[in-house]
Each structure stands twice: as C-alpha cells, then as structure tokens.
Amino acid sequence: MKSAYELAMDRLKEQDSGDEKPISDETKQALAAVDEKFKAKIAEREIFLNQKLEAALASGEMQDAEAIRRQISSERVRLEEDRESAKDKVRNAG
C-alpha cells in the first residue's frame, strides 16, 4: 500500500508528463525584467523602512521598531507575491 506522499508524487508525475514547452528568449527577457523591477521595489522599501527602524531604535521606541520590523516582513512577502503573479502573467501570455 502506497503512502499519501507516494500517491501525491504519482499524481504530480502524471500532470507533468511532457506538457511543458520550452521558454522563448523573449519570455526569458520579460521574466528577467519583472525580477529586476521587483528587486528594485523591494530594495527601495527596505531602505526606507530600515531608516525608520533605525530612528525608532535610536529614540528607544521599541514598540514602533517591532511594528516596523513586521511591516518590512509583510511588504517583502507582498512584493514577492506580486512578482510571482506578474511572472505568471508573462508565462501565460507567451
């Protein structure tokens, strides 16, 4: 009897059975452009929020500092999700 893991792997193999098509150079370039755009957005937000974090820590505002840390984390996750969504659109358009 197969485990749930083995059954899931079998299903994945069935789904992945040669339906993939090669990625064109245009699509690769578009995906790279999306990556660069979102890397820049993430860096911009982190620089801005890290400055706010340093100011909060310097003034001893630990609650504000913790809120800013959470904001940094949540914005990074949101931007990474946006990046993957944009990349999916590029993949599906090509």
Protein backbone atom coordinates (compact mmCIF):
# COMPACT_ATOMS: atom_id res chain seq x y z
CA MET A 1 0.00 0.00 0.00
CA LYS A 2 1.35 3.41 -1.00
CA SER A 3 1.67 6.30 1.42
CA ALA A 4 -0.12 9.59 0.83
CA TYR A 5 3.22 11.08 -0.18
CA GLU A 6 3.79 8.41 -2.83
CA LEU A 7 0.26 8.87 -4.19
CA ALA A 8 0.77 12.62 -4.42
CA MET A 9 4.08 12.14 -6.22
CA ASP A 10 2.42 9.77 -8.70
CA ARG A 11 -0.26 12.37 -9.42
CA LEU A 12 2.37 15.06 -9.95
CA LYS A 13 4.27 12.84 -12.38
CA GLU A 14 1.08 12.27 -14.36
CA GLN A 15 0.42 16.00 -14.54
CA ASP A 16 3.99 16.80 -15.59
CA SER A 17 4.18 14.19 -18.33
CA GLY A 18 5.70 16.21 -21.17
CA ASP A 19 3.19 19.07 -21.33
CA GLU A 20 5.95 21.63 -20.86
CA LYS A 21 7.04 23.75 -23.77
CA PRO A 22 10.43 25.46 -23.94
CA ILE A 23 10.61 29.07 -22.81
CA SER A 24 11.36 31.53 -25.61
CA ASP A 25 14.13 34.10 -25.35
CA GLU A 26 11.52 36.90 -25.31
CA THR A 27 9.77 35.28 -22.36
CA LYS A 28 13.08 34.83 -20.54
CA GLN A 29 13.88 38.51 -21.06
CA ALA A 30 10.43 39.55 -19.86
CA LEU A 31 10.79 37.37 -16.74
CA ALA A 32 14.21 38.89 -16.05
CA ALA A 33 12.73 42.38 -16.42
CA VAL A 34 9.99 41.52 -13.91
CA ASP A 35 12.62 40.21 -11.49
CA GLU A 36 14.71 43.37 -11.80
CA LYS A 37 11.68 45.62 -11.35
CA PHE A 38 10.60 43.87 -8.18
CA LYS A 39 14.13 43.61 -6.78
CA ALA A 40 14.31 47.39 -7.08
CA LYS A 41 10.92 47.85 -5.41
CA ILE A 42 11.89 45.55 -2.54
CA ALA A 43 15.22 47.32 -2.06
CA GLU A 44 13.55 50.73 -2.11
CA ARG A 45 11.01 49.76 0.55
CA GLU A 46 13.64 48.08 2.72
CA ILE A 47 15.93 51.11 2.61
CA PHE A 48 13.07 53.43 3.54
CA LEU A 49 11.77 51.21 6.32
CA ASN A 50 15.23 50.42 7.68
CA GLN A 51 15.81 54.16 8.09
CA LYS A 52 12.56 54.39 10.04
CA LEU A 53 13.61 51.34 12.09
CA GLU A 54 16.98 52.87 12.95
CA ALA A 55 15.29 56.12 14.02
CA ALA A 56 12.81 54.22 16.21
CA LEU A 57 15.60 52.20 17.82
CA ALA A 58 17.72 55.31 18.37
CA SER A 59 14.83 57.02 20.16
CA GLY A 60 14.07 53.91 22.23
CA GLU A 61 10.64 53.32 20.69
CA MET A 62 10.71 49.52 20.85
CA GLN A 63 7.02 49.08 20.03
CA ASP A 64 7.41 51.23 16.93
CA ALA A 65 10.55 49.33 15.99
CA GLU A 66 8.75 45.99 16.26
CA ALA A 67 5.85 47.32 14.15
CA ILE A 68 8.33 48.47 11.50
CA ARG A 69 10.02 45.04 11.51
CA ARG A 70 6.64 43.41 10.92
CA GLN A 71 5.93 45.92 8.15
CA ILE A 72 9.26 45.15 6.46
CA SER A 73 8.47 41.46 6.55
CA SER A 74 4.90 41.81 5.30
CA GLU A 75 5.85 44.19 2.49
CA ARG A 76 8.61 41.86 1.33
CA VAL A 77 6.14 38.95 1.22
CA ARG A 78 3.53 41.06 -0.60
CA LEU A 79 6.03 42.28 -3.20
CA GLU A 80 7.36 38.75 -3.76
CA GLU A 81 3.78 37.53 -4.28
CA ASP A 82 3.19 40.40 -6.72
CA ARG A 83 6.39 39.43 -8.54
CA GLU A 84 5.29 35.81 -8.90
CA SER A 85 1.88 36.95 -10.12
CA ALA A 86 3.50 39.20 -12.73
CA LYS A 87 5.79 36.36 -13.82
CA ASP A 88 2.80 34.03 -14.16
CA LYS A 89 1.13 36.57 -16.44
CA VAL A 90 4.27 36.70 -18.60
CA ARG A 91 4.45 32.90 -18.75
CA ASN A 92 0.78 32.55 -19.67
CA ALA A 93 0.95 35.27 -22.32
CA GLY A 94 3.88 33.60 -24.08
